[in-house]
Amino acid sequence: MLVISEEAIKQNYFMDDAISDLKKGLHSKKGGLIDSPERTVIDIPAYQASSLYMPSADLSQDIASVKAVTIFPDNPAKGKPTTQGVLMLTDATTGEHLCLMNASYLTRLRTGALSGIGTDKLARRNSKVLGVIGTGAMAFEQVLGVLAVRDMETIILFNRTKEKAKSFKEKLNNIGVGMEVYVEENVDEVVTESDIICCSTRSDVPVFKGADLKSGTHINGIGSYLATMREVDLTTIQKASKIVVDDLAGVKEEAGELIHADENSDWSFSKLYGELSELNMSDKKIRESDEEITFFKSVGAAYFDLVVAKGVYMKALEKGFGNRIEI
């Protein structure tokens, strides 16, 4: 079995790779060639934590995978990462387990790539200001995903713990994003100034007021993944003329803000504009005006992990990275 570390993935597999591979995966999903059962989420209340198990198969590629991810929000105080994951890749023609790889970075990368695809479909072409609400573990690749599809001029950061936002700014500057990056202490200012907003928090209550959104704003919401979580408020959902989701089945079970709106207002899931796989290969116009407010909601699905994991594996075979072990 080939074992691939997080560092090896980071050095050889990048945002553009993930976006390209995910577009292929979305095409397979649209063609009915993906088998992706609902993931199992085990809550661990004593630590406000969760453990997630996600199987999937791409029947067009004869490949399958299972990913196990844990989310322990108190881990940074113990010197450990909040999110930890591994993924096993399996040959679906023989049952041979081909590869075991670190999935923590892979999860962040594919989530950022999905937001990149959603942003490319929905955000205004002339968007220049990116607002980032929540600068935790998942946020960095969200920025990279947006920057892969839009030429931004300014990035505004907000985090409840200001020092984390400052560290995030330093990390962005260290990779040379080549634009102004600054920390804002008032989330309302982030919302009113931004053309694109990325939310990546684990909040149970909305993190900004939808009333503050200016015309033409696009929002990516990726932080809430339980029915009890709500990153955006009802006003945002009602103001959005187009809401696109990454995986409809998962969103109906896990997107707290949409579940709340469906149960407590005149908004319903029938008003969704579509699933990302439906729009990926479509030539139809998505954004109809520069005034529309749009919202991309992502909760993740196992087949997203599968397609990027396969991409990493194929690169490993081509470039010769990873370690072979007997198990």
Protein backbone atom coordinates (compact mmCIF):
# COMPACT_ATOMS: atom_id res chain seq x y z
CA MET A 1 0.00 0.00 0.00
CA LEU A 2 1.15 3.50 -0.82
CA VAL A 3 1.12 5.96 2.10
CA ILE A 4 1.06 9.69 1.28
CA SER A 5 1.70 12.35 3.90
CA GLU A 6 0.14 15.78 4.10
CA GLU A 7 3.46 17.41 3.25
CA ALA A 8 3.83 15.30 0.11
CA ILE A 9 0.34 16.32 -1.01
CA LYS A 10 1.04 20.00 -0.35
CA GLN A 11 4.23 19.86 -2.41
CA ASN A 12 2.67 18.14 -5.41
CA TYR A 13 -1.08 18.79 -5.61
CA PHE A 14 -2.47 22.32 -5.82
CA MET A 15 -5.68 24.34 -6.01
CA ASP A 16 -5.81 24.30 -9.81
CA ASP A 17 -5.44 20.50 -9.72
CA ALA A 18 -8.29 20.18 -7.23
CA ILE A 19 -10.60 22.45 -9.23
CA SER A 20 -9.89 20.52 -12.43
CA ASP A 21 -10.45 17.12 -10.80
CA LEU A 22 -13.61 18.25 -9.02
CA LYS A 23 -15.12 19.46 -12.29
CA LYS A 24 -14.58 15.94 -13.66
CA GLY A 25 -16.17 14.47 -10.53
CA LEU A 26 -19.17 16.78 -10.84
CA HIS A 27 -19.58 15.59 -14.43
CA SER A 28 -19.60 11.96 -13.22
CA LYS A 29 -22.16 12.86 -10.55
CA LYS A 30 -24.39 14.48 -13.14
CA GLY A 31 -24.11 11.31 -15.23
CA GLY A 32 -25.29 9.14 -12.33
CA LEU A 33 -21.93 7.38 -12.03
CA ILE A 34 -21.23 8.27 -8.39
CA ASP A 35 -22.38 6.16 -5.44
CA SER A 36 -22.07 8.32 -2.34
CA PRO A 37 -24.08 7.12 0.69
CA GLU A 38 -24.99 9.60 3.40
CA ARG A 39 -22.08 10.12 5.74
CA THR A 40 -22.20 9.01 9.36
CA VAL A 41 -21.67 11.76 11.94
CA ILE A 42 -20.96 10.78 15.53
CA ASP A 43 -21.21 13.63 18.03
CA ILE A 44 -18.90 13.62 21.03
CA PRO A 45 -20.66 16.11 23.37
CA ALA A 46 -18.10 16.01 26.16
CA TYR A 47 -15.61 17.72 23.84
CA GLN A 48 -18.08 19.54 21.55
CA ALA A 49 -16.55 17.37 18.86
CA SER A 50 -17.60 15.24 15.92
CA SER A 51 -16.29 12.19 14.09
CA LEU A 52 -17.35 11.76 10.45
CA TYR A 53 -17.16 8.66 8.22
CA MET A 54 -17.67 9.02 4.47
CA PRO A 55 -17.68 6.21 1.85
CA SER A 56 -17.95 6.74 -1.90
CA ALA A 57 -17.36 5.09 -5.27
CA ASP A 58 -16.89 6.44 -8.79
CA LEU A 59 -18.35 3.71 -10.99
CA SER A 60 -16.96 5.30 -14.13
CA GLN A 61 -13.40 5.03 -12.80
CA ASP A 62 -13.67 1.76 -10.82
CA ILE A 63 -12.38 3.47 -7.70
CA ALA A 64 -13.76 3.72 -4.17
CA SER A 65 -12.76 5.42 -0.92
CA VAL A 66 -13.63 5.93 2.69
CA LYS A 67 -12.61 9.00 4.66
CA ALA A 68 -12.58 9.38 8.43
CA VAL A 69 -12.38 12.91 9.84
CA THR A 70 -12.49 14.20 13.40
CA ILE A 71 -13.28 17.78 14.40
CA PHE A 72 -12.19 18.71 17.94
CA PRO A 73 -12.49 22.50 18.38
CA ASP A 74 -10.57 22.55 21.69
CA ASN A 75 -7.50 20.85 20.22
CA PRO A 76 -5.44 24.00 19.51
CA ALA A 77 -5.16 24.59 23.26
CA LYS A 78 -3.59 21.12 23.46
CA GLY A 79 -1.21 21.78 20.59
CA LYS A 80 -3.17 19.57 18.20
CA PRO A 81 -5.03 20.48 15.00
CA THR A 82 -8.80 20.99 15.11
CA THR A 83 -9.44 18.76 12.09
CA GLN A 84 -7.67 15.46 11.45
CA GLY A 85 -8.42 12.97 8.71
CA VAL A 86 -7.26 9.98 6.73
CA LEU A 87 -8.55 8.50 3.47
CA MET A 88 -8.19 5.01 2.04
CA LEU A 89 -8.42 4.53 -1.72
CA THR A 90 -9.56 1.16 -3.11
CA ASP A 91 -9.45 -0.47 -6.55
CA ALA A 92 -13.12 -1.26 -7.27
CA THR A 93 -12.23 -4.01 -9.78
CA THR A 94 -10.17 -6.17 -7.40
CA GLY A 95 -10.85 -4.80 -3.92
CA GLU A 96 -7.15 -4.02 -3.45
CA HIS A 97 -6.54 -1.15 -1.04
CA LEU A 98 -4.23 1.06 -3.04
CA CYS A 99 -3.39 4.00 -0.88
CA LEU A 100 -3.73 5.59 2.54
CA MET A 101 -3.30 9.35 2.64
CA ASN A 102 -3.61 12.21 5.06
CA ALA A 103 -6.98 13.83 4.42
CA SER A 104 -6.85 16.96 6.59
CA TYR A 105 -5.24 19.21 3.99
CA LEU A 106 -7.08 17.34 1.22
CA THR A 107 -10.41 18.21 2.87
CA ARG A 108 -9.48 21.87 3.15
CA LEU A 109 -8.25 21.93 -0.44
CA ARG A 110 -11.32 20.31 -1.99
CA THR A 111 -13.64 22.54 0.06
CA GLY A 112 -11.79 25.61 -1.15
CA ALA A 113 -11.88 24.28 -4.70
CA LEU A 114 -15.66 23.77 -4.49
CA SER A 115 -16.06 27.36 -3.35
CA GLY A 116 -13.83 28.36 -6.23
CA ILE A 117 -16.13 26.60 -8.70
CA GLY A 118 -19.23 28.06 -7.00
CA THR A 119 -17.68 31.53 -7.02
CA ASP A 120 -16.77 31.23 -10.68
CA LYS A 121 -20.38 30.35 -11.51
CA LEU A 122 -22.07 32.93 -9.29
CA ALA A 123 -19.88 35.89 -8.34
CA ARG A 124 -19.64 39.06 -10.41
CA ARG A 125 -16.71 39.11 -12.81
CA ASN A 126 -15.72 42.55 -11.53
CA SER A 127 -15.61 41.53 -7.86
CA LYS A 128 -12.62 43.14 -6.16
CA VAL A 129 -13.06 42.88 -2.37
CA LEU A 130 -13.06 39.52 -0.57
CA GLY A 131 -14.37 39.39 3.00
CA VAL A 132 -13.34 36.44 5.16
CA ILE A 133 -15.45 35.78 8.26
CA GLY A 134 -13.74 33.18 10.41
CA THR A 135 -10.00 32.60 10.00
CA GLY A 136 -9.82 29.07 11.39
CA ALA A 137 -8.52 25.86 9.86
CA MET A 138 -10.76 25.83 6.78
CA ALA A 139 -10.47 29.49 5.79
CA PHE A 140 -7.08 29.63 4.05
CA GLU A 141 -8.02 27.35 1.17
CA GLN A 142 -11.30 29.27 0.83
CA VAL A 143 -9.24 32.32 -0.03
CA LEU A 144 -7.08 30.34 -2.44
CA GLY A 145 -10.19 28.97 -4.16
CA VAL A 146 -11.60 32.45 -4.74
CA LEU A 147 -8.24 33.81 -5.90
CA ALA A 148 -8.00 30.98 -8.44
CA VAL A 149 -11.10 32.26 -10.26
CA ARG A 150 -11.26 36.02 -9.58
CA ASP A 151 -8.72 38.84 -9.66
CA MET A 152 -9.27 40.41 -6.25
CA GLU A 153 -7.67 43.64 -5.04
CA THR A 154 -8.40 43.59 -1.30
CA ILE A 155 -8.95 40.94 1.38
CA ILE A 156 -10.68 41.88 4.64
CA LEU A 157 -10.37 39.51 7.58
CA PHE A 158 -12.62 39.15 10.62
CA ASN A 159 -12.34 36.72 13.50
CA ARG A 160 -13.78 36.92 17.00
CA THR A 161 -10.25 36.40 18.28
CA LYS A 162 -8.37 39.24 16.62
CA GLU A 163 -4.95 37.63 17.05
CA LYS A 164 -6.05 34.71 14.87
CA ALA A 165 -7.01 37.14 12.11
CA LYS A 166 -3.61 38.82 12.40
CA SER A 167 -1.85 35.46 12.11
CA PHE A 168 -3.99 34.66 9.08
CA LYS A 169 -2.98 37.96 7.48
CA GLU A 170 0.68 37.11 8.02
CA LYS A 171 0.16 33.69 6.43
CA LEU A 172 -1.41 35.29 3.35
CA ASN A 173 1.39 37.83 3.09
CA ASN A 174 3.97 35.06 3.41
CA ILE A 175 2.67 33.36 0.26
CA GLY A 176 2.72 36.69 -1.60
CA VAL A 177 -0.94 37.22 -2.48
CA GLY A 178 0.07 40.60 -3.91
CA MET A 179 -2.87 42.63 -2.64
CA GLU A 180 -3.94 44.63 0.37
CA VAL A 181 -4.90 42.46 3.35
CA TYR A 182 -6.21 43.98 6.54
CA VAL A 183 -8.03 42.96 9.72
CA GLU A 184 -11.42 44.49 10.51
CA GLU A 185 -12.75 44.49 14.08
CA ASN A 186 -16.38 45.08 13.06
CA VAL A 187 -18.05 42.29 11.08
CA ASP A 188 -20.67 44.74 9.79
CA GLU A 189 -17.92 46.66 7.99
CA VAL A 190 -16.70 43.46 6.34
CA VAL A 191 -20.16 42.75 4.98
CA THR A 192 -20.85 46.24 3.64
CA GLU A 193 -17.45 46.49 1.91
CA SER A 194 -17.17 43.02 0.36
CA ASP A 195 -18.13 41.80 -3.11
CA ILE A 196 -17.51 38.17 -2.12
CA ILE A 197 -17.84 36.82 1.43
CA CYS A 198 -16.42 33.51 2.65
CA CYS A 199 -17.84 32.21 5.94
CA SER A 200 -16.04 29.32 7.59
CA THR A 201 -17.11 29.17 11.24
CA ARG A 202 -18.71 26.59 13.49
CA SER A 203 -21.27 29.08 14.73
CA ASP A 204 -24.72 28.09 15.97
CA VAL A 205 -25.98 31.62 15.32
CA PRO A 206 -25.66 33.83 12.21
CA VAL A 207 -22.30 35.56 12.00
CA PHE A 208 -23.51 38.64 10.11
CA LYS A 209 -26.74 40.50 9.35
CA GLY A 210 -28.21 39.88 5.94
CA ALA A 211 -29.65 43.37 5.99
CA ASP A 212 -26.08 44.70 5.63
CA LEU A 213 -25.43 42.90 2.34
CA LYS A 214 -24.99 45.20 -0.61
CA SER A 215 -26.43 44.42 -4.03
CA GLY A 216 -24.35 42.03 -6.10
CA THR A 217 -22.67 40.23 -3.19
CA HIS A 218 -21.80 36.55 -3.46
CA ILE A 219 -21.51 34.44 -0.28
CA ASN A 220 -19.75 31.10 0.22
CA GLY A 221 -20.90 29.31 3.38
CA ILE A 222 -18.86 26.24 4.34
CA GLY A 223 -18.55 26.26 8.12
CA SER A 224 -21.86 24.87 9.36
CA TYR A 225 -22.25 21.14 8.79
CA LEU A 226 -24.85 20.19 11.42
CA ALA A 227 -28.58 20.89 11.48
CA THR A 228 -28.07 22.98 14.64
CA MET A 229 -25.51 25.32 13.07
CA ARG A 230 -26.39 28.58 11.30
CA GLU A 231 -23.74 30.81 9.73
CA VAL A 232 -26.11 33.00 7.73
CA ASP A 233 -29.45 34.42 8.78
CA LEU A 234 -32.91 34.10 7.28
CA THR A 235 -32.66 37.56 5.73
CA THR A 236 -29.63 36.45 3.69
CA ILE A 237 -31.46 33.40 2.41
CA GLN A 238 -34.55 35.41 1.50
CA LYS A 239 -32.49 38.13 -0.23
CA ALA A 240 -30.49 35.64 -2.30
CA SER A 241 -31.96 35.34 -5.78
CA LYS A 242 -29.93 32.19 -6.46
CA ILE A 243 -28.83 29.60 -3.90
CA VAL A 244 -26.63 26.79 -5.20
CA VAL A 245 -25.55 23.81 -3.07
CA ASP A 246 -22.71 21.34 -3.44
CA ASP A 247 -24.73 18.22 -2.60
CA LEU A 248 -28.51 18.34 -2.24
CA ALA A 249 -28.92 15.24 -0.09
CA GLY A 250 -26.24 16.37 2.34
CA VAL A 251 -27.55 19.92 2.52
CA LYS A 252 -31.05 18.75 3.43
CA GLU A 253 -29.59 16.88 6.39
CA GLU A 254 -26.77 19.15 7.50
CA ALA A 255 -27.12 22.77 6.32
CA GLY A 256 -28.56 24.30 9.48
CA GLU A 257 -29.39 27.70 8.03
CA LEU A 258 -31.31 26.21 5.10
CA ILE A 259 -33.07 23.65 7.30
CA HIS A 260 -34.11 26.46 9.66
CA ALA A 261 -35.40 28.56 6.77
CA ASP A 262 -37.32 25.61 5.32
CA GLU A 263 -39.00 24.92 8.67
CA ASN A 264 -39.60 28.48 9.88
CA SER A 265 -40.37 30.66 6.86
CA ASP A 266 -41.90 30.72 3.41
CA TRP A 267 -38.55 29.66 1.95
CA SER A 268 -38.26 25.99 1.00
CA PHE A 269 -35.69 23.68 -0.56
CA SER A 270 -37.77 23.75 -3.74
CA LYS A 271 -36.48 27.31 -4.23
CA LEU A 272 -32.86 26.20 -4.59
CA TYR A 273 -31.46 27.24 -7.94
CA GLY A 274 -29.62 23.96 -8.31
CA GLU A 275 -26.88 21.58 -7.31
CA LEU A 276 -23.32 22.36 -8.40
CA SER A 277 -23.12 19.23 -10.56
CA GLU A 278 -26.13 20.50 -12.55
CA LEU A 279 -24.38 23.79 -13.27
CA ASN A 280 -20.85 22.52 -13.82
CA MET A 281 -21.30 21.48 -17.46
CA SER A 282 -24.14 23.88 -18.22
CA ASP A 283 -23.79 26.81 -20.57
CA LYS A 284 -26.87 28.51 -19.21
CA LYS A 285 -26.40 31.93 -17.72
CA ILE A 286 -26.15 31.80 -13.93
CA ARG A 287 -25.86 35.40 -12.79
CA GLU A 288 -28.43 37.49 -14.64
CA SER A 289 -27.45 40.91 -13.28
CA ASP A 290 -24.78 42.66 -11.20
CA GLU A 291 -27.41 43.39 -8.55
CA GLU A 292 -28.25 39.80 -7.65
CA ILE A 293 -27.21 38.41 -4.27
CA THR A 294 -26.04 34.82 -4.61
CA PHE A 295 -25.21 32.12 -2.05
CA PHE A 296 -23.19 28.92 -2.44
CA LYS A 297 -23.70 26.47 0.44
CA SER A 298 -21.28 23.59 0.89
CA VAL A 299 -21.46 20.79 3.45
CA GLY A 300 -19.18 18.37 1.63
CA ALA A 301 -19.72 14.86 0.31
CA ALA A 302 -17.56 11.77 0.10
CA TYR A 303 -17.26 11.79 -3.68
CA PHE A 304 -15.53 15.18 -3.57
CA ASP A 305 -12.83 13.61 -1.43
CA LEU A 306 -12.69 10.59 -3.71
CA VAL A 307 -11.99 12.54 -6.90
CA VAL A 308 -9.23 14.67 -5.41
CA ALA A 309 -7.72 11.64 -3.66
CA LYS A 310 -7.59 9.85 -6.97
CA GLY A 311 -5.91 12.91 -8.46
CA VAL A 312 -3.27 12.82 -5.71
CA TYR A 313 -2.75 9.08 -6.20
CA MET A 314 -2.27 9.42 -9.96
CA LYS A 315 0.24 12.23 -9.41
CA ALA A 316 2.07 10.05 -6.87
CA LEU A 317 2.39 7.25 -9.42
CA GLU A 318 3.57 9.70 -12.07
CA LYS A 319 6.05 11.64 -9.92
CA GLY A 320 7.10 8.87 -7.53
CA PHE A 321 6.22 10.35 -4.16
CA GLY A 322 4.77 8.50 -1.16
CA ASN A 323 6.05 5.46 0.76
CA ARG A 324 5.29 1.80 0.04
CA ILE A 325 4.47 -0.37 3.05
CA GLU A 326 3.27 -3.92 3.68
CA ILE A 327 0.23 -4.28 5.95
